[in-house]
Amino acid sequence: MPPPSSGGVHVIQMLNILEGYDLGAMEHNSAA
């Protein structure tokens, strides 16, 4: 049986991925 809602899990996973990037050093709308 699947979990009732996996939206929260996706948000947590995206934040964990973004932790690996230095977002402060990136320019707005940069290709990186």
Protein backbone atom coordinates (compact mmCIF):
# COMPACT_ATOMS: atom_id res chain seq x y z
CA MET A 1 0.00 0.00 0.00
CA PRO A 2 1.52 3.37 -1.00
CA PRO A 3 1.91 6.18 1.52
CA PRO A 4 -1.08 8.56 1.69
CA SER A 5 0.99 11.54 0.53
CA SER A 6 4.59 11.63 -0.65
CA GLY A 7 4.71 15.39 -1.36
CA GLY A 8 6.56 16.12 1.86
CA VAL A 9 9.13 13.44 1.07
CA HIS A 10 9.82 15.05 -2.31
CA VAL A 11 10.33 18.46 -0.71
CA ILE A 12 12.82 17.03 1.79
CA GLN A 13 14.72 15.23 -0.97
CA MET A 14 14.94 18.39 -3.10
CA LEU A 15 16.25 20.41 -0.16
CA ASN A 16 18.85 17.74 0.57
CA ILE A 17 20.02 17.86 -3.06
CA LEU A 18 20.23 21.66 -3.02
CA GLU A 19 22.39 21.56 0.11
CA GLY A 20 25.26 20.37 -2.09
CA TYR A 21 25.25 23.58 -4.13
CA ASP A 22 26.54 27.01 -3.12
CA LEU A 23 23.35 28.87 -3.98
CA GLY A 24 24.71 32.15 -2.60
CA ALA A 25 27.51 32.21 -5.18
CA MET A 26 25.16 31.63 -8.13
CA GLU A 27 23.79 34.55 -10.07
CA HIS A 28 20.07 34.90 -10.68
CA ASN A 29 18.99 32.86 -13.74
CA SER A 30 22.50 31.52 -14.26
CA ALA A 31 22.95 28.37 -16.35
CA ALA A 32 24.78 26.65 -13.51
